[in-house]
Amino acid sequence: MPGTEAVYSFPGWNRAMDVHGSVVGLILLAIPMAIIASAIWFESGGPILIGQRRIGSRGSEYKMWKFRTLPPKTPQLSKADLIAAGIRPRPLGQFLRRYSLDEFPQVLNVLIGDMSLVGPRPALFTQDDLVRLRRDAGIGDVRPGLTGLAQISGREDLTLEQKVALDVDYAKQLSPLSDLAILLRTTVAILRARGSY
């Protein structure tokens, strides 16, 4: 089918950057992650981590790890669907989500190769519309990222079409310097908590 073939993918240097970055990240985040895990346990018990079904490169499905911020057994829905269903995180979960601290465990996904440090945020297994838009845009082979151009440009304030357009822009200008710039700008975006839920 026209428009469905992969046009963009990650070069070899990207994986080396991911491995080194994730190892350093695990070392730096070890104590903060232990504190967050303890706080979740004291507030609402287990489980501390959840594994969400996400779509990776080439349409493959994998388990993306996050700190649990919602009540146990909450169905895996997009943020928009959670809001529509009236499902809200508890105070600790709100804080973790606001500053993206719940995403820390995804450093493990980067280390094992499911994700990259920078790239399009992974779609839920139910987000067929987002997967289709990315495939049609030629970025179906691009490995999902811990952060990305869309995350520093509005996060959930953006439409799916706007997110995919930013994902394509990222793939076009892919370079070590652009990845480093996005990682640095991510810190500012997190502190501003723009588009968070």
N, C-alpha and C. Protein backbone atom coordinates (compact mmCIF):
# COMPACT_ATOMS: atom_id res chain seq x y z
N MET A 1 0.84 -1.19 0.00
CA MET A 1 0.00 0.00 0.00
C MET A 1 0.87 1.24 0.00
N PRO A 2 0.54 2.25 -0.81
CA PRO A 2 1.32 3.47 -0.82
C PRO A 2 1.24 4.15 0.54
N GLY A 3 2.35 4.74 0.93
CA GLY A 3 2.36 5.50 2.18
C GLY A 3 2.54 4.67 3.42
N THR A 4 2.71 3.36 3.30
CA THR A 4 2.82 2.52 4.49
C THR A 4 4.22 1.96 4.68
N GLU A 5 5.13 2.19 3.71
CA GLU A 5 6.47 1.66 3.84
C GLU A 5 7.31 2.55 4.77
N ALA A 6 8.19 1.90 5.52
CA ALA A 6 9.05 2.66 6.42
C ALA A 6 10.03 3.50 5.63
N VAL A 7 10.17 4.75 6.02
CA VAL A 7 11.10 5.67 5.38
C VAL A 7 12.25 5.99 6.32
N TYR A 8 11.94 6.12 7.59
CA TYR A 8 12.94 6.51 8.58
C TYR A 8 13.17 5.39 9.58
N SER A 9 14.40 5.23 10.02
CA SER A 9 14.75 4.27 11.06
C SER A 9 15.97 4.81 11.81
N PHE A 10 16.39 4.14 12.88
CA PHE A 10 17.49 4.62 13.70
C PHE A 10 18.83 4.11 13.19
N PRO A 11 19.86 4.97 13.15
CA PRO A 11 21.20 4.54 12.75
C PRO A 11 21.92 3.82 13.88
N GLY A 12 23.08 3.25 13.57
CA GLY A 12 23.82 2.45 14.54
C GLY A 12 24.29 3.21 15.76
N TRP A 13 24.69 4.48 15.59
CA TRP A 13 25.20 5.24 16.73
C TRP A 13 24.16 5.40 17.81
N ASN A 14 22.90 5.36 17.41
CA ASN A 14 21.82 5.61 18.37
C ASN A 14 21.77 4.54 19.45
N ARG A 15 21.98 3.29 19.08
CA ARG A 15 21.94 2.21 20.06
C ARG A 15 23.08 2.33 21.07
N ALA A 16 24.27 2.70 20.59
CA ALA A 16 25.40 2.88 21.50
C ALA A 16 25.11 4.00 22.49
N MET A 17 24.49 5.07 22.02
CA MET A 17 24.13 6.18 22.89
C MET A 17 23.09 5.75 23.91
N ASP A 18 22.15 4.91 23.48
CA ASP A 18 21.11 4.42 24.39
C ASP A 18 21.68 3.55 25.50
N VAL A 19 22.59 2.65 25.15
CA VAL A 19 23.17 1.76 26.15
C VAL A 19 23.95 2.55 27.20
N HIS A 20 24.81 3.43 26.75
CA HIS A 20 25.59 4.23 27.69
C HIS A 20 24.70 5.13 28.53
N GLY A 21 23.73 5.76 27.89
CA GLY A 21 22.84 6.67 28.61
C GLY A 21 21.98 5.95 29.63
N SER A 22 21.49 4.77 29.29
CA SER A 22 20.62 4.04 30.22
C SER A 22 21.41 3.49 31.40
N VAL A 23 22.65 3.08 31.19
CA VAL A 23 23.48 2.61 32.31
C VAL A 23 23.74 3.76 33.28
N VAL A 24 24.10 4.92 32.74
CA VAL A 24 24.33 6.09 33.60
C VAL A 24 23.02 6.48 34.30
N GLY A 25 21.92 6.41 33.56
CA GLY A 25 20.63 6.76 34.14
C GLY A 25 20.24 5.85 35.29
N LEU A 26 20.47 4.56 35.14
CA LEU A 26 20.14 3.62 36.21
C LEU A 26 20.96 3.90 37.47
N ILE A 27 22.22 4.27 37.28
CA ILE A 27 23.06 4.59 38.43
C ILE A 27 22.56 5.85 39.13
N LEU A 28 22.27 6.89 38.36
CA LEU A 28 21.82 8.16 38.94
C LEU A 28 20.42 8.08 39.54
N LEU A 29 19.58 7.22 38.97
CA LEU A 29 18.18 7.16 39.42
C LEU A 29 17.92 6.08 40.45
N ALA A 30 18.92 5.30 40.81
CA ALA A 30 18.70 4.18 41.73
C ALA A 30 18.07 4.62 43.04
N ILE A 31 18.63 5.64 43.67
CA ILE A 31 18.10 6.10 44.97
C ILE A 31 16.73 6.77 44.80
N PRO A 32 16.56 7.71 43.84
CA PRO A 32 15.21 8.28 43.64
C PRO A 32 14.15 7.22 43.36
N MET A 33 14.49 6.20 42.57
CA MET A 33 13.52 5.15 42.27
C MET A 33 13.17 4.34 43.51
N ALA A 34 14.14 4.11 44.38
CA ALA A 34 13.86 3.39 45.63
C ALA A 34 12.93 4.20 46.53
N ILE A 35 13.13 5.52 46.56
CA ILE A 35 12.28 6.40 47.36
C ILE A 35 10.86 6.41 46.82
N ILE A 36 10.73 6.51 45.50
CA ILE A 36 9.40 6.52 44.87
C ILE A 36 8.68 5.20 45.12
N ALA A 37 9.40 4.08 44.98
CA ALA A 37 8.80 2.77 45.22
C ALA A 37 8.29 2.65 46.64
N SER A 38 9.07 3.13 47.61
CA SER A 38 8.65 3.08 49.01
C SER A 38 7.42 3.94 49.24
N ALA A 39 7.39 5.13 48.62
CA ALA A 39 6.25 6.03 48.79
C ALA A 39 4.97 5.42 48.23
N ILE A 40 5.06 4.77 47.08
CA ILE A 40 3.88 4.12 46.49
C ILE A 40 3.38 3.01 47.41
N TRP A 41 4.30 2.23 47.94
CA TRP A 41 3.92 1.12 48.82
C TRP A 41 3.21 1.62 50.08
N PHE A 42 3.73 2.69 50.67
CA PHE A 42 3.13 3.21 51.89
C PHE A 42 1.78 3.88 51.63
N GLU A 43 1.60 4.46 50.43
CA GLU A 43 0.34 5.13 50.14
C GLU A 43 -0.77 4.14 49.79
N SER A 44 -0.45 3.15 48.94
CA SER A 44 -1.54 2.29 48.45
C SER A 44 -1.14 0.83 48.26
N GLY A 45 0.03 0.42 48.77
CA GLY A 45 0.43 -0.97 48.62
C GLY A 45 0.91 -1.28 47.21
N GLY A 46 0.86 -2.56 46.86
CA GLY A 46 1.33 -2.97 45.53
C GLY A 46 0.20 -3.04 44.52
N PRO A 47 0.55 -3.26 43.26
CA PRO A 47 1.92 -3.37 42.76
C PRO A 47 2.58 -2.00 42.64
N ILE A 48 3.89 -1.97 42.72
CA ILE A 48 4.62 -0.71 42.60
C ILE A 48 4.85 -0.37 41.13
N LEU A 49 5.15 -1.38 40.35
CA LEU A 49 5.37 -1.19 38.91
C LEU A 49 4.21 -1.78 38.13
N ILE A 50 3.95 -1.21 36.96
CA ILE A 50 3.00 -1.79 36.02
C ILE A 50 3.70 -1.94 34.68
N GLY A 51 3.33 -2.98 33.95
CA GLY A 51 3.86 -3.20 32.61
C GLY A 51 2.76 -2.97 31.60
N GLN A 52 2.84 -1.88 30.85
CA GLN A 52 1.82 -1.55 29.87
C GLN A 52 2.16 -2.14 28.50
N ARG A 53 1.14 -2.63 27.81
CA ARG A 53 1.32 -3.15 26.47
C ARG A 53 1.46 -1.98 25.50
N ARG A 54 2.62 -1.89 24.89
CA ARG A 54 2.91 -0.78 23.98
C ARG A 54 3.39 -1.31 22.63
N ILE A 55 3.28 -0.45 21.61
CA ILE A 55 3.69 -0.82 20.27
C ILE A 55 5.07 -0.23 19.99
N GLY A 56 6.02 -1.09 19.64
CA GLY A 56 7.37 -0.65 19.35
C GLY A 56 7.62 -0.51 17.87
N SER A 57 8.89 -0.57 17.48
CA SER A 57 9.23 -0.44 16.06
C SER A 57 8.73 -1.64 15.28
N ARG A 58 8.38 -1.41 14.03
CA ARG A 58 7.85 -2.42 13.12
C ARG A 58 6.56 -3.07 13.64
N GLY A 59 5.84 -2.35 14.49
CA GLY A 59 4.56 -2.85 14.98
C GLY A 59 4.64 -3.92 16.03
N SER A 60 5.85 -4.20 16.53
CA SER A 60 5.99 -5.23 17.56
C SER A 60 5.46 -4.73 18.90
N GLU A 61 4.93 -5.65 19.70
CA GLU A 61 4.39 -5.28 21.00
C GLU A 61 5.39 -5.63 22.09
N TYR A 62 5.51 -4.77 23.09
CA TYR A 62 6.40 -5.02 24.22
C TYR A 62 5.77 -4.48 25.49
N LYS A 63 6.38 -4.79 26.63
CA LYS A 63 5.87 -4.35 27.92
C LYS A 63 6.70 -3.15 28.39
N MET A 64 6.05 -2.00 28.54
CA MET A 64 6.72 -0.78 28.98
C MET A 64 6.49 -0.59 30.48
N TRP A 65 7.57 -0.40 31.23
CA TRP A 65 7.48 -0.33 32.69
C TRP A 65 7.29 1.10 33.18
N LYS A 66 6.40 1.23 34.16
CA LYS A 66 6.13 2.53 34.78
C LYS A 66 5.85 2.31 36.27
N PHE A 67 6.07 3.36 37.06
CA PHE A 67 5.58 3.32 38.44
C PHE A 67 4.06 3.46 38.40
N ARG A 68 3.37 2.68 39.23
CA ARG A 68 1.90 2.75 39.25
C ARG A 68 1.46 4.06 39.88
N THR A 69 0.58 4.78 39.18
CA THR A 69 0.06 6.05 39.67
C THR A 69 -1.46 6.04 39.80
N LEU A 70 -2.11 5.00 39.30
CA LEU A 70 -3.57 4.88 39.35
C LEU A 70 -3.96 3.72 40.23
N PRO A 71 -5.25 3.61 40.60
CA PRO A 71 -5.67 2.49 41.43
C PRO A 71 -5.32 1.14 40.81
N PRO A 72 -5.05 0.13 41.61
CA PRO A 72 -4.75 -1.20 41.07
C PRO A 72 -5.85 -1.68 40.12
N LYS A 73 -5.45 -2.41 39.10
CA LYS A 73 -6.36 -3.01 38.12
C LYS A 73 -7.05 -1.97 37.23
N THR A 74 -6.53 -0.75 37.19
CA THR A 74 -7.06 0.23 36.24
C THR A 74 -6.78 -0.25 34.82
N PRO A 75 -7.77 -0.24 33.93
CA PRO A 75 -7.52 -0.71 32.56
C PRO A 75 -6.51 0.18 31.85
N GLN A 76 -5.81 -0.38 30.88
CA GLN A 76 -4.80 0.36 30.13
C GLN A 76 -5.48 1.19 29.05
N LEU A 77 -5.66 2.47 29.35
CA LEU A 77 -6.33 3.40 28.46
C LEU A 77 -5.41 4.59 28.19
N SER A 78 -5.69 5.32 27.12
CA SER A 78 -4.95 6.55 26.86
C SER A 78 -5.33 7.58 27.92
N LYS A 79 -4.53 8.63 28.05
CA LYS A 79 -4.82 9.66 29.04
C LYS A 79 -6.16 10.33 28.77
N ALA A 80 -6.47 10.54 27.49
CA ALA A 80 -7.75 11.15 27.15
C ALA A 80 -8.91 10.26 27.59
N ASP A 81 -8.79 8.96 27.41
CA ASP A 81 -9.85 8.03 27.80
C ASP A 81 -9.96 7.93 29.33
N LEU A 82 -8.82 8.01 30.02
CA LEU A 82 -8.85 7.99 31.49
C LEU A 82 -9.60 9.21 32.02
N ILE A 83 -9.33 10.35 31.44
CA ILE A 83 -10.01 11.58 31.86
C ILE A 83 -11.51 11.47 31.59
N ALA A 84 -11.86 10.96 30.39
CA ALA A 84 -13.27 10.81 30.03
C ALA A 84 -13.99 9.86 30.97
N ALA A 85 -13.27 8.84 31.46
CA ALA A 85 -13.87 7.86 32.36
C ALA A 85 -13.87 8.33 33.82
N GLY A 86 -13.30 9.49 34.07
CA GLY A 86 -13.26 10.02 35.43
C GLY A 86 -12.26 9.32 36.34
N ILE A 87 -11.26 8.66 35.74
CA ILE A 87 -10.25 7.96 36.53
C ILE A 87 -9.08 8.91 36.78
N ARG A 88 -8.83 9.19 38.04
CA ARG A 88 -7.79 10.14 38.41
C ARG A 88 -6.77 9.50 39.35
N PRO A 89 -5.51 9.92 39.24
CA PRO A 89 -4.51 9.40 40.18
C PRO A 89 -4.69 9.98 41.57
N ARG A 90 -4.18 9.29 42.57
CA ARG A 90 -4.17 9.80 43.93
C ARG A 90 -3.10 10.89 44.02
N PRO A 91 -3.02 11.61 45.17
CA PRO A 91 -2.07 12.74 45.26
C PRO A 91 -0.64 12.40 44.88
N LEU A 92 -0.13 11.26 45.35
CA LEU A 92 1.23 10.88 44.99
C LEU A 92 1.32 10.63 43.50
N GLY A 93 0.33 9.93 42.96
CA GLY A 93 0.33 9.66 41.53
C GLY A 93 0.27 10.93 40.70
N GLN A 94 -0.49 11.93 41.17
CA GLN A 94 -0.57 13.21 40.47
C GLN A 94 0.80 13.88 40.43
N PHE A 95 1.51 13.81 41.55
CA PHE A 95 2.85 14.42 41.61
C PHE A 95 3.81 13.69 40.67
N LEU A 96 3.77 12.36 40.70
CA LEU A 96 4.67 11.59 39.83
C LEU A 96 4.39 11.85 38.36
N ARG A 97 3.11 11.92 38.01
CA ARG A 97 2.74 12.17 36.62
C ARG A 97 3.09 13.60 36.19
N ARG A 98 2.85 14.54 37.09
CA ARG A 98 3.10 15.95 36.76
C ARG A 98 4.54 16.17 36.32
N TYR A 99 5.47 15.51 37.00
CA TYR A 99 6.89 15.70 36.70
C TYR A 99 7.51 14.48 36.01
N SER A 100 6.65 13.60 35.48
CA SER A 100 7.09 12.43 34.70
C SER A 100 8.01 11.49 35.47
N LEU A 101 7.92 11.50 36.80
CA LEU A 101 8.75 10.61 37.61
C LEU A 101 8.31 9.16 37.47
N ASP A 102 7.06 8.95 37.08
CA ASP A 102 6.56 7.58 36.90
C ASP A 102 7.22 6.90 35.70
N GLU A 103 7.88 7.68 34.85
CA GLU A 103 8.51 7.13 33.65
C GLU A 103 9.92 6.59 33.91
N PHE A 104 10.48 6.82 35.09
CA PHE A 104 11.87 6.42 35.36
C PHE A 104 12.17 4.95 35.02
N PRO A 105 11.28 4.00 35.35
CA PRO A 105 11.61 2.59 35.06
C PRO A 105 11.82 2.29 33.58
N GLN A 106 11.42 3.18 32.70
CA GLN A 106 11.60 2.92 31.27
C GLN A 106 13.06 2.97 30.85
N VAL A 107 13.93 3.42 31.76
CA VAL A 107 15.36 3.33 31.48
C VAL A 107 15.74 1.86 31.25
N LEU A 108 15.04 0.95 31.94
CA LEU A 108 15.26 -0.48 31.73
C LEU A 108 14.86 -0.89 30.31
N ASN A 109 13.75 -0.35 29.82
CA ASN A 109 13.32 -0.63 28.45
C ASN A 109 14.35 -0.16 27.43
N VAL A 110 14.98 0.98 27.73
CA VAL A 110 16.02 1.50 26.84
C VAL A 110 17.23 0.57 26.85
N LEU A 111 17.61 0.11 28.03
CA LEU A 111 18.79 -0.74 28.15
C LEU A 111 18.63 -2.05 27.38
N ILE A 112 17.43 -2.65 27.44
CA ILE A 112 17.24 -3.94 26.77
C ILE A 112 16.87 -3.79 25.29
N GLY A 113 16.65 -2.55 24.83
CA GLY A 113 16.46 -2.32 23.41
C GLY A 113 15.03 -2.17 22.94
N ASP A 114 14.06 -2.18 23.84
CA ASP A 114 12.67 -1.96 23.43
C ASP A 114 12.44 -0.51 23.04
N MET A 115 13.18 0.39 23.68
CA MET A 115 12.99 1.82 23.49
C MET A 115 14.35 2.49 23.28
N SER A 116 14.27 3.76 22.91
CA SER A 116 15.45 4.60 22.79
C SER A 116 15.32 5.75 23.78
N LEU A 117 16.42 6.43 24.06
CA LEU A 117 16.33 7.61 24.93
C LEU A 117 15.44 8.67 24.31
N VAL A 118 15.55 8.85 23.00
CA VAL A 118 14.77 9.86 22.28
C VAL A 118 14.08 9.21 21.09
N GLY A 119 12.82 9.56 20.90
CA GLY A 119 12.06 9.01 19.79
C GLY A 119 10.58 9.27 20.01
N PRO A 120 9.72 8.84 19.11
CA PRO A 120 8.27 9.02 19.32
C PRO A 120 7.82 8.25 20.56
N ARG A 121 6.94 8.84 21.37
CA ARG A 121 6.44 8.12 22.53
C ARG A 121 5.62 6.91 22.06
N PRO A 122 5.79 5.76 22.73
CA PRO A 122 5.15 4.53 22.27
C PRO A 122 3.63 4.57 22.39
N ALA A 123 2.97 4.05 21.39
CA ALA A 123 1.50 3.99 21.40
C ALA A 123 1.03 2.82 22.25
N LEU A 124 -0.12 3.01 22.91
CA LEU A 124 -0.77 1.89 23.57
C LEU A 124 -1.24 0.88 22.52
N PHE A 125 -1.40 -0.36 22.92
CA PHE A 125 -1.83 -1.39 21.97
C PHE A 125 -3.22 -1.13 21.43
N THR A 126 -3.98 -0.24 22.10
CA THR A 126 -5.34 0.10 21.65
C THR A 126 -5.37 1.32 20.73
N GLN A 127 -4.23 2.01 20.59
CA GLN A 127 -4.21 3.24 19.81
C GLN A 127 -3.93 2.96 18.33
N ASP A 128 -4.88 2.29 17.69
CA ASP A 128 -4.71 1.93 16.28
C ASP A 128 -4.57 3.16 15.40
N ASP A 129 -5.26 4.26 15.77
CA ASP A 129 -5.20 5.47 14.97
C ASP A 129 -3.79 6.07 14.97
N LEU A 130 -3.14 6.09 16.12
CA LEU A 130 -1.78 6.63 16.21
C LEU A 130 -0.79 5.73 15.47
N VAL A 131 -0.94 4.43 15.61
CA VAL A 131 -0.06 3.48 14.91
C VAL A 131 -0.20 3.65 13.40
N ARG A 132 -1.43 3.79 12.94
CA ARG A 132 -1.67 3.96 11.50
C ARG A 132 -1.07 5.26 10.98
N LEU A 133 -1.25 6.35 11.73
CA LEU A 133 -0.70 7.63 11.30
C LEU A 133 0.82 7.58 11.19
N ARG A 134 1.46 6.92 12.15
CA ARG A 134 2.92 6.80 12.10
C ARG A 134 3.38 5.91 10.95
N ARG A 135 2.65 4.82 10.72
CA ARG A 135 3.00 3.94 9.61
C ARG A 135 2.85 4.67 8.28
N ASP A 136 1.75 5.40 8.11
CA ASP A 136 1.52 6.12 6.87
C ASP A 136 2.54 7.25 6.66
N ALA A 137 3.08 7.77 7.77
CA ALA A 137 4.07 8.84 7.69
C ALA A 137 5.48 8.30 7.45
N GLY A 138 5.64 6.97 7.44
CA GLY A 138 6.93 6.36 7.17
C GLY A 138 7.85 6.23 8.36
N ILE A 139 7.29 6.34 9.59
CA ILE A 139 8.14 6.24 10.78
C ILE A 139 7.77 5.01 11.62
N GLY A 140 7.21 4.01 10.98
CA GLY A 140 6.82 2.80 11.69
C GLY A 140 7.99 2.00 12.24
N ASP A 141 9.18 2.18 11.65
CA ASP A 141 10.36 1.44 12.10
C ASP A 141 11.17 2.19 13.17
N VAL A 142 10.77 3.42 13.46
CA VAL A 142 11.52 4.22 14.43
C VAL A 142 11.22 3.72 15.84
N ARG A 143 12.26 3.42 16.59
CA ARG A 143 12.10 2.90 17.95
C ARG A 143 11.49 3.97 18.85
N PRO A 144 10.47 3.63 19.65
CA PRO A 144 9.85 4.61 20.55
C PRO A 144 10.85 5.12 21.59
N GLY A 145 10.60 6.33 22.09
CA GLY A 145 11.56 6.96 22.98
C GLY A 145 11.03 7.26 24.37
N LEU A 146 11.98 7.40 25.29
CA LEU A 146 11.67 7.84 26.64
C LEU A 146 11.16 9.28 26.63
N THR A 147 11.71 10.07 25.73
CA THR A 147 11.23 11.42 25.47
C THR A 147 11.33 11.67 23.98
N GLY A 148 10.78 12.78 23.53
CA GLY A 148 10.80 13.06 22.11
C GLY A 148 10.46 14.50 21.83
N LEU A 149 10.46 14.85 20.56
CA LEU A 149 10.17 16.22 20.16
C LEU A 149 8.76 16.64 20.57
N ALA A 150 7.81 15.71 20.48
CA ALA A 150 6.43 16.04 20.88
C ALA A 150 6.33 16.29 22.38
N GLN A 151 7.17 15.60 23.18
CA GLN A 151 7.11 15.74 24.63
C GLN A 151 7.61 17.12 25.08
N ILE A 152 8.50 17.72 24.31
CA ILE A 152 8.99 19.04 24.68
C ILE A 152 8.23 20.14 23.95
N SER A 153 7.17 19.74 23.23
CA SER A 153 6.40 20.70 22.44
C SER A 153 4.92 20.76 22.82
N GLY A 154 4.57 20.14 23.96
CA GLY A 154 3.17 20.22 24.38
C GLY A 154 2.58 18.98 24.97
N ARG A 155 3.19 17.80 24.73
CA ARG A 155 2.71 16.54 25.30
C ARG A 155 1.22 16.34 25.00
N GLU A 156 0.39 16.22 26.02
CA GLU A 156 -1.02 15.89 25.81
C GLU A 156 -1.86 17.08 25.35
N ASP A 157 -1.24 18.26 25.21
CA ASP A 157 -1.96 19.40 24.63
C ASP A 157 -2.03 19.30 23.11
N LEU A 158 -1.27 18.36 22.54
CA LEU A 158 -1.20 18.21 21.09
C LEU A 158 -2.20 17.18 20.58
N THR A 159 -2.66 17.35 19.35
CA THR A 159 -3.48 16.34 18.71
C THR A 159 -2.57 15.21 18.21
N LEU A 160 -3.16 14.07 17.85
CA LEU A 160 -2.36 12.97 17.32
C LEU A 160 -1.64 13.39 16.04
N GLU A 161 -2.32 14.15 15.19
CA GLU A 161 -1.71 14.59 13.94
C GLU A 161 -0.51 15.51 14.21
N GLN A 162 -0.63 16.37 15.21
CA GLN A 162 0.49 17.25 15.56
C GLN A 162 1.66 16.45 16.11
N LYS A 163 1.36 15.44 16.93
CA LYS A 163 2.43 14.60 17.48
C LYS A 163 3.18 13.88 16.37
N VAL A 164 2.44 13.30 15.43
CA VAL A 164 3.08 12.56 14.34
C VAL A 164 3.91 13.49 13.46
N ALA A 165 3.41 14.70 13.22
CA ALA A 165 4.17 15.67 12.43
C ALA A 165 5.50 15.99 13.10
N LEU A 166 5.48 16.13 14.43
CA LEU A 166 6.72 16.38 15.17
C LEU A 166 7.63 15.16 15.15
N ASP A 167 7.04 13.96 15.22
CA ASP A 167 7.83 12.73 15.13
C ASP A 167 8.57 12.66 13.79
N VAL A 168 7.88 13.05 12.72
CA VAL A 168 8.51 13.05 11.39
C VAL A 168 9.63 14.09 11.33
N ASP A 169 9.38 15.28 11.90
CA ASP A 169 10.43 16.31 11.93
C ASP A 169 11.66 15.80 12.66
N TYR A 170 11.43 15.07 13.77
CA TYR A 170 12.56 14.52 14.53
C TYR A 170 13.35 13.53 13.68
N ALA A 171 12.64 12.63 12.99
CA ALA A 171 13.30 11.60 12.18
C ALA A 171 14.11 12.23 11.05
N LYS A 172 13.63 13.33 10.50
CA LYS A 172 14.33 14.00 9.39
C LYS A 172 15.65 14.61 9.84
N GLN A 173 15.69 15.12 11.09
CA GLN A 173 16.88 15.83 11.56
C GLN A 173 17.69 15.00 12.55
N LEU A 174 17.48 13.68 12.55
CA LEU A 174 18.10 12.80 13.53
C LEU A 174 19.63 12.93 13.53
N SER A 175 20.18 13.20 14.71
CA SER A 175 21.62 13.31 14.89
C SER A 175 21.92 13.26 16.38
N PRO A 176 23.18 12.94 16.77
CA PRO A 176 23.51 12.95 18.20
C PRO A 176 23.25 14.30 18.85
N LEU A 177 23.53 15.39 18.13
CA LEU A 177 23.32 16.72 18.70
C LEU A 177 21.84 17.01 18.92
N SER A 178 20.99 16.59 17.97
CA SER A 178 19.56 16.83 18.15
C SER A 178 19.02 16.02 19.31
N ASP A 179 19.52 14.79 19.49
CA ASP A 179 19.09 13.98 20.63
C ASP A 179 19.50 14.63 21.95
N LEU A 180 20.73 15.11 22.01
CA LEU A 180 21.20 15.77 23.23
C LEU A 180 20.39 17.03 23.52
N ALA A 181 20.05 17.78 22.48
CA ALA A 181 19.25 18.99 22.66
C ALA A 181 17.87 18.66 23.21
N ILE A 182 17.26 17.59 22.69
CA ILE A 182 15.93 17.19 23.16
C ILE A 182 16.00 16.71 24.61
N LEU A 183 17.04 15.97 24.95
CA LEU A 183 17.20 15.50 26.33
C LEU A 183 17.34 16.68 27.29
N LEU A 184 18.09 17.70 26.90
CA LEU A 184 18.25 18.87 27.75
C LEU A 184 16.94 19.66 27.87
N ARG A 185 16.24 19.81 26.76
CA ARG A 185 14.97 20.55 26.78
C ARG A 185 13.89 19.78 27.52
N THR A 186 14.04 18.45 27.60
CA THR A 186 13.06 17.65 28.34
C THR A 186 13.02 18.05 29.81
N THR A 187 14.19 18.33 30.38
CA THR A 187 14.25 18.74 31.79
C THR A 187 13.41 19.99 32.03
N VAL A 188 13.52 20.96 31.13
CA VAL A 188 12.74 22.19 31.25
C VAL A 188 11.25 21.91 31.09
N ALA A 189 10.89 21.07 30.11
CA ALA A 189 9.48 20.74 29.87
C ALA A 189 8.86 20.03 31.07
N ILE A 190 9.64 19.15 31.71
CA ILE A 190 9.14 18.42 32.88
C ILE A 190 8.88 19.38 34.04
N LEU A 191 9.81 20.30 34.27
CA LEU A 191 9.65 21.26 35.37
C LEU A 191 8.44 22.17 35.15
N ARG A 192 8.16 22.49 33.89
CA ARG A 192 6.99 23.31 33.58
C ARG A 192 5.70 22.51 33.64
N ALA A 193 5.84 21.17 33.52
CA ALA A 193 4.70 20.26 33.58
C ALA A 193 3.62 20.60 32.57
N ARG A 194 4.02 21.11 31.42
CA ARG A 194 3.05 21.46 30.38
C ARG A 194 2.45 20.22 29.77
N GLY A 195 1.13 20.17 29.69
CA GLY A 195 0.44 19.05 29.05
C GLY A 195 0.42 17.78 29.88
N SER A 196 0.77 17.86 31.17
CA SER A 196 0.80 16.66 32.01
C SER A 196 -0.60 16.34 32.50
N TYR A 197 -0.75 15.08 33.03
CA TYR A 197 -2.04 14.64 33.58
C TYR A 197 -1.78 13.89 34.85
